[in-house]
Amino acid sequence: MNMLEKMDERMSGAPRLAAVLAMMLLLLPLPALMAQSGGIEVNLWPDGLPNTNGRDLTQPYSDSTHNYRPRFRLFLPDKAKATGQAVLCIPGGGYHDVCSDIEGYNWVPYFLDHGIAIAVLTYRLPYQYPAVPGSDAMEAMRILRHNAAKWGFSPGKIGVMGHSAGGHLAATVATHAVGDARPDFQILFYPVITMEKSYTQPDTHDNLIGPVPNEEVMHYYSLEQQVRPGQAPAIIFIADDDAVVNTANGVNYYLALNRAHVSASLHIWPEGNHGFSCRDYFKSHDVEMQELFSWLKSINK
C-alpha cells in the first residue's frame, strides 16, 4: 500500500473560497456550457472504486452536492490539425468544489484550435481521505495513455494541467505518479503547492489534509519538497496580486524544479488576481495564450 492509499486525515470546510467560487460561476460563458454536451465521457472506475472518501459509496452521485462521479470528458481535434499531444485538465475549487466549467470546459476551444486533445477531469473530493483525488487523476492519466492510439494522440505526449487546488492535484500527479500515470509535461495556473501553514492556502490545506495533520502527511503533500530530477517539464502562470493563493507557492515550486534540473518556465503577471485561467478579459490573455502554446510547441519533439 503506497502513501496515497494510507492517508485519511480529517479536514474542515472552505469558507474563504466560497465567495470567489460563486462569483466565478456567475461569469460562466456559453462555450463552456456547449462543451459539456460534446466529447467522449469516460467513467474512471467502471469495475468499482479503489478507495472511498466516505460519501461516494453511501450517497448518490450528484454534482450539486459535490459528491462527484469520477470521470473525464475528452475532446479531440481535427485530424488535420492534431499535433499528437493531449492534456488532462484539472479544475480547481479548493478541494471543496470542482469548477469544471471556468477552469475546464472553457479551455476546450483553445486546445482544439491548436491541435491538442483535452480531457476535462471531474474528480472526487477528499473529505476525510486526501488520497482520493490523486487516485482519480492518476487513473485518468492511465486511461488516456492506454487508449492513446485509439484516440489519435501519442502515449508519450500526455500532460497534466491544473488550476489553484487543481494545480496542487496536477503537481501531485507530476511528483508522485509512477509508470503509465506519469505525465510528460505539467501546466500550472496559480497553483496551491505547499501544505506548510506559513504560506499555504488555508481552506485548501484543511479540506485536503485536515487542520492538524501529522508531519508525514504535510511533507508528502508539500510538493515543493517532492520534486526530483527527471520529472516532467513545467510551465507556471501566476499573478503578483493574487489575493487567494500566495504567489510563493508557484515561485517555490519553480525554484525546486530548477534546483532539480527539471526544465521549467515561470510567468508572473503584475495583475490578474486569482482565477484568470483563459478568461478573455484578463489583461495579459493574448500574451498568456501565445506563451502557453509556444511552449507546448517547443516541447513537442
Protein backbone atom coordinates (compact mmCIF):
# COMPACT_ATOMS: atom_id res chain seq x y z
CA MET A 1 0.00 0.00 0.00
CA ASN A 2 1.50 3.35 -1.03
CA MET A 3 1.39 6.64 0.78
CA LEU A 4 -1.61 7.90 -1.20
CA GLU A 5 -3.67 4.95 0.00
CA LYS A 6 -2.73 5.33 3.67
CA MET A 7 -3.70 8.93 4.25
CA ASP A 8 -7.03 9.53 5.95
CA GLU A 9 -6.63 12.75 7.87
CA ARG A 10 -9.79 14.74 8.66
CA MET A 11 -10.47 18.13 7.21
CA SER A 12 -12.78 21.16 7.56
CA GLY A 13 -14.87 23.33 5.22
CA ALA A 14 -13.75 26.06 2.86
CA PRO A 15 -15.49 29.31 3.77
CA ARG A 16 -12.79 31.61 2.40
CA LEU A 17 -13.11 30.33 -1.15
CA ALA A 18 -16.91 30.24 -1.28
CA ALA A 19 -17.39 33.84 -2.39
CA VAL A 20 -14.68 33.58 -5.04
CA LEU A 21 -16.14 30.37 -6.49
CA ALA A 22 -19.66 31.76 -6.53
CA MET A 23 -18.59 34.85 -8.46
CA MET A 24 -16.63 32.77 -10.95
CA LEU A 25 -19.70 30.65 -11.68
CA LEU A 26 -21.77 33.75 -12.44
CA LEU A 27 -19.29 34.65 -15.17
CA LEU A 28 -19.56 31.28 -16.96
CA PRO A 29 -19.51 31.81 -20.75
CA LEU A 30 -21.67 29.98 -23.30
CA PRO A 31 -18.80 27.93 -24.88
CA ALA A 32 -18.28 26.11 -21.59
CA LEU A 33 -21.93 25.11 -21.44
CA MET A 34 -21.80 23.88 -25.03
CA ALA A 35 -18.63 21.84 -24.44
CA GLN A 36 -20.24 19.85 -21.65
CA SER A 37 -22.66 18.27 -24.10
CA GLY A 38 -19.96 17.13 -26.52
CA GLY A 39 -16.88 14.99 -26.35
CA ILE A 40 -16.41 11.45 -25.09
CA GLU A 41 -17.32 10.80 -21.45
CA VAL A 42 -15.23 8.17 -19.70
CA ASN A 43 -16.02 6.64 -16.31
CA LEU A 44 -12.77 6.26 -14.35
CA TRP A 45 -13.76 3.22 -12.30
CA PRO A 46 -16.27 1.03 -14.20
CA ASP A 47 -15.31 -2.00 -12.11
CA GLY A 48 -15.65 -0.24 -8.75
CA LEU A 49 -13.82 2.39 -6.73
CA PRO A 50 -10.36 1.56 -5.36
CA ASN A 51 -10.88 3.73 -2.27
CA THR A 52 -13.52 5.96 -0.72
CA ASN A 53 -13.99 9.46 0.62
CA GLY A 54 -16.80 8.31 2.90
CA ARG A 55 -19.58 9.68 0.68
CA ASP A 56 -19.08 8.10 -2.73
CA LEU A 57 -20.25 4.69 -1.52
CA THR A 58 -23.06 5.87 0.77
CA GLN A 59 -24.73 8.74 -1.12
CA PRO A 60 -25.93 9.09 -4.72
CA TYR A 61 -23.57 10.86 -7.07
CA SER A 62 -24.62 14.44 -7.69
CA ASP A 63 -22.55 17.40 -8.80
CA SER A 64 -24.97 19.68 -6.95
CA THR A 65 -24.00 18.12 -3.62
CA HIS A 66 -20.29 17.90 -4.53
CA ASN A 67 -20.43 14.12 -4.45
CA TYR A 68 -18.84 13.87 -7.87
CA ARG A 69 -18.84 10.78 -10.03
CA PRO A 70 -15.19 10.39 -11.12
CA ARG A 71 -14.95 10.82 -14.87
CA PHE A 72 -13.46 12.83 -17.66
CA ARG A 73 -14.82 14.22 -20.90
CA LEU A 74 -12.42 14.01 -23.83
CA PHE A 75 -12.36 16.36 -26.81
CA LEU A 76 -10.34 15.54 -29.91
CA PRO A 77 -9.00 17.99 -32.52
CA ASP A 78 -9.50 17.66 -36.23
CA LYS A 79 -7.11 15.04 -37.56
CA ALA A 80 -5.61 17.57 -39.97
CA LYS A 81 -4.58 19.77 -37.03
CA ALA A 82 -3.60 17.11 -34.50
CA THR A 83 -0.12 17.53 -33.00
CA GLY A 84 -0.10 14.22 -31.13
CA GLN A 85 -0.31 15.99 -27.77
CA ALA A 86 -3.04 15.62 -25.15
CA VAL A 87 -3.65 17.27 -21.79
CA LEU A 88 -5.62 16.23 -18.71
CA CYS A 89 -7.22 19.44 -17.45
CA ILE A 90 -7.86 19.55 -13.68
CA PRO A 91 -10.13 22.34 -12.43
CA GLY A 92 -9.72 23.91 -9.03
CA GLY A 93 -12.22 24.62 -6.29
CA GLY A 94 -10.25 24.46 -3.04
CA TYR A 95 -10.88 20.70 -2.67
CA HIS A 96 -14.38 21.89 -1.75
CA ASP A 97 -15.79 22.07 -5.27
CA VAL A 98 -14.75 21.21 -8.84
CA CYS A 99 -15.03 24.28 -11.09
CA SER A 100 -15.15 22.25 -14.26
CA ASP A 101 -16.60 25.00 -16.41
CA ILE A 102 -14.48 28.05 -15.70
CA GLU A 103 -11.23 26.08 -15.35
CA GLY A 104 -12.08 23.15 -17.55
CA TYR A 105 -14.52 23.36 -20.45
CA ASN A 106 -13.57 26.97 -21.18
CA TRP A 107 -10.19 25.66 -22.37
CA VAL A 108 -11.58 23.22 -24.92
CA PRO A 109 -11.74 25.52 -27.98
CA TYR A 110 -8.23 26.87 -27.32
CA PHE A 111 -6.60 23.44 -27.22
CA LEU A 112 -8.58 22.06 -30.14
CA ASP A 113 -7.68 25.09 -32.22
CA HIS A 114 -4.01 24.23 -31.61
CA GLY A 115 -4.48 20.56 -32.46
CA ILE A 116 -4.23 19.29 -28.89
CA ALA A 117 -6.67 16.81 -27.34
CA ILE A 118 -8.06 17.85 -23.96
CA ALA A 119 -9.76 15.77 -21.26
CA VAL A 120 -11.59 17.69 -18.51
CA LEU A 121 -11.43 15.78 -15.23
CA THR A 122 -14.18 15.61 -12.63
CA TYR A 123 -12.63 14.11 -9.51
CA ARG A 124 -13.91 13.04 -6.12
CA LEU A 125 -13.26 15.47 -3.27
CA PRO A 126 -11.11 14.24 -0.40
CA TYR A 127 -13.38 14.91 2.60
CA GLN A 128 -11.64 12.70 5.18
CA TYR A 129 -9.38 10.93 2.67
CA PRO A 130 -6.77 13.04 0.81
CA ALA A 131 -5.57 10.09 -1.29
CA VAL A 132 -8.84 10.03 -3.24
CA PRO A 133 -8.35 12.94 -5.69
CA GLY A 134 -4.85 11.73 -6.56
CA SER A 135 -6.08 8.22 -7.32
CA ASP A 136 -8.71 9.63 -9.69
CA ALA A 137 -6.26 11.90 -11.51
CA MET A 138 -3.66 9.15 -11.88
CA GLU A 139 -6.22 6.69 -13.21
CA ALA A 140 -7.32 9.29 -15.75
CA MET A 141 -3.71 9.56 -16.93
CA ARG A 142 -3.50 5.76 -17.27
CA ILE A 143 -6.71 5.59 -19.29
CA LEU A 144 -5.55 8.33 -21.64
CA ARG A 145 -2.20 6.62 -22.17
CA HIS A 146 -3.67 3.14 -22.67
CA ASN A 147 -6.13 4.46 -25.27
CA ALA A 148 -3.86 6.97 -26.98
CA ALA A 149 -3.66 5.08 -30.28
CA LYS A 150 -7.45 4.73 -30.48
CA TRP A 151 -7.97 8.42 -29.74
CA GLY A 152 -5.25 9.66 -32.07
CA PHE A 153 -2.50 11.09 -29.88
CA SER A 154 0.89 9.89 -28.71
CA PRO A 155 1.21 7.95 -25.43
CA GLY A 156 4.45 9.85 -24.81
CA LYS A 157 2.94 13.32 -25.19
CA ILE A 158 0.27 13.44 -22.48
CA GLY A 159 0.48 16.22 -19.91
CA VAL A 160 -1.43 17.44 -16.91
CA MET A 161 -2.81 20.94 -16.33
CA GLY A 162 -4.29 22.29 -13.12
CA HIS A 163 -5.66 25.44 -11.56
CA SER A 164 -5.44 26.51 -7.91
CA ALA A 165 -6.25 23.39 -5.84
CA GLY A 166 -6.42 21.59 -9.18
CA GLY A 167 -2.87 22.82 -9.66
CA HIS A 168 -1.97 21.10 -6.42
CA LEU A 169 -3.58 17.92 -7.73
CA ALA A 170 -1.77 18.25 -11.06
CA ALA A 171 1.55 18.75 -9.27
CA THR A 172 0.74 15.77 -7.05
CA VAL A 173 0.49 13.67 -10.21
CA ALA A 174 3.70 15.20 -11.56
CA THR A 175 5.68 14.49 -8.39
CA HIS A 176 4.17 11.23 -7.11
CA ALA A 177 2.77 9.26 -10.06
CA VAL A 178 4.69 6.29 -11.41
CA GLY A 179 4.52 4.16 -14.54
CA ASP A 180 1.74 4.94 -17.01
CA ALA A 181 0.27 7.61 -14.71
CA ARG A 182 3.32 9.88 -15.01
CA PRO A 183 2.71 13.00 -17.13
CA ASP A 184 5.03 14.12 -19.91
CA PHE A 185 4.57 17.80 -19.06
CA GLN A 186 2.80 19.93 -16.47
CA ILE A 187 0.94 23.25 -16.79
CA LEU A 188 0.02 25.06 -13.58
CA PHE A 189 -2.16 28.13 -13.13
CA TYR A 190 -1.98 29.98 -9.78
CA PRO A 191 -1.37 26.63 -8.02
CA VAL A 192 -1.52 25.73 -4.38
CA ILE A 193 1.73 23.81 -3.89
CA THR A 194 2.63 23.66 -0.22
CA MET A 195 0.91 22.43 2.92
CA GLU A 196 3.28 24.46 5.08
CA LYS A 197 0.95 26.65 7.15
CA SER A 198 3.11 29.76 6.76
CA TYR A 199 2.06 30.23 3.13
CA THR A 200 -0.40 27.52 2.10
CA GLN A 201 -3.99 28.32 1.12
CA PRO A 202 -5.71 27.64 4.46
CA ASP A 203 -9.02 26.26 3.22
CA THR A 204 -7.40 24.07 0.60
CA HIS A 205 -4.99 22.78 3.26
CA ASP A 206 -7.78 21.93 5.70
CA ASN A 207 -10.03 20.39 3.06
CA LEU A 208 -7.25 18.10 1.88
CA ILE A 209 -5.34 17.02 4.98
CA GLY A 210 -7.25 18.48 7.90
CA PRO A 211 -6.36 21.39 10.19
CA VAL A 212 -3.85 19.40 12.27
CA PRO A 213 -2.13 16.87 10.00
CA ASN A 214 0.84 14.82 11.09
CA GLU A 215 4.27 15.77 9.77
CA GLU A 216 4.46 12.86 7.33
CA VAL A 217 1.20 13.83 5.63
CA MET A 218 2.12 17.53 5.46
CA HIS A 219 5.52 16.70 3.96
CA TYR A 220 4.02 14.34 1.37
CA TYR A 221 1.59 16.95 0.09
CA SER A 222 4.06 19.86 0.24
CA LEU A 223 5.02 19.37 -3.37
CA GLU A 224 7.93 21.77 -3.45
CA GLN A 225 9.57 19.15 -1.21
CA GLN A 226 8.73 16.29 -3.60
CA VAL A 227 10.48 17.45 -6.77
CA ARG A 228 13.10 15.06 -8.13
CA PRO A 229 15.32 15.02 -11.24
CA GLY A 230 13.65 13.50 -14.26
CA GLN A 231 10.14 14.79 -13.55
CA ALA A 232 8.01 16.43 -16.22
CA PRO A 233 8.91 19.87 -17.62
CA ALA A 234 6.65 22.62 -16.34
CA ILE A 235 5.18 25.99 -17.18
CA ILE A 236 3.66 28.03 -14.35
CA PHE A 237 1.39 31.10 -14.59
CA ILE A 238 0.65 33.28 -11.56
CA ALA A 239 -0.39 36.87 -10.85
CA ASP A 240 1.54 39.06 -8.44
CA ASP A 241 -1.69 40.42 -6.96
CA ASP A 242 -3.26 37.01 -6.22
CA ALA A 243 -5.33 37.55 -3.07
CA VAL A 244 -6.31 33.88 -2.64
CA VAL A 245 -3.15 31.81 -3.12
CA ASN A 246 0.21 33.16 -2.00
CA THR A 247 2.42 33.54 -5.08
CA ALA A 248 5.26 31.92 -3.11
CA ASN A 249 3.56 28.60 -3.89
CA GLY A 250 4.27 28.83 -7.61
CA VAL A 251 7.62 30.54 -7.15
CA ASN A 252 8.95 27.95 -4.71
CA TYR A 253 7.81 25.11 -6.94
CA TYR A 254 9.67 26.68 -9.85
CA LEU A 255 12.80 27.03 -7.70
CA ALA A 256 12.54 23.38 -6.63
CA LEU A 257 12.26 22.31 -10.27
CA ASN A 258 15.24 24.48 -11.16
CA ARG A 259 17.37 23.00 -8.38
CA ALA A 260 16.47 19.50 -9.60
CA HIS A 261 17.43 20.45 -13.17
CA VAL A 262 13.87 19.97 -14.38
CA SER A 263 13.05 22.28 -17.28
CA ALA A 264 10.61 24.94 -16.10
CA SER A 265 9.21 28.30 -17.15
CA LEU A 266 7.65 30.77 -14.70
CA HIS A 267 5.39 33.64 -15.79
CA ILE A 268 4.28 36.24 -13.25
CA TRP A 269 1.78 38.84 -14.39
CA PRO A 270 1.57 42.12 -12.42
CA GLU A 271 -2.25 41.92 -12.39
CA GLY A 272 -4.74 39.11 -12.75
CA ASN A 273 -5.56 38.16 -9.16
CA HIS A 274 -6.86 34.60 -8.80
CA GLY A 275 -8.81 32.58 -11.34
CA PHE A 276 -7.76 34.36 -14.56
CA SER A 277 -7.46 30.99 -16.34
CA CYS A 278 -8.27 31.61 -20.03
CA ARG A 279 -10.69 34.48 -19.48
CA ASP A 280 -10.53 36.83 -22.43
CA TYR A 281 -10.90 39.91 -20.22
CA PHE A 282 -7.67 39.04 -18.39
CA LYS A 283 -5.30 41.88 -19.35
CA SER A 284 -2.50 39.52 -20.35
CA HIS A 285 -4.77 36.99 -22.06
CA ASP A 286 -3.26 37.26 -25.53
CA VAL A 287 0.31 37.02 -24.29
CA GLU A 288 -0.67 34.17 -21.98
CA MET A 289 -2.09 32.17 -24.88
CA GLN A 290 0.92 32.89 -27.06
CA GLU A 291 3.39 31.81 -24.38
CA LEU A 292 1.45 28.70 -23.39
CA PHE A 293 1.04 27.31 -26.87
CA SER A 294 4.53 28.36 -27.97
CA TRP A 295 5.88 26.39 -25.00
CA LEU A 296 3.76 23.37 -25.88
CA LYS A 297 5.05 23.53 -29.43
CA SER A 298 8.65 23.78 -28.20
CA ILE A 299 8.41 20.56 -26.16
CA ASN A 300 6.59 18.60 -28.87
CA LYS A 301 9.54 16.58 -30.15
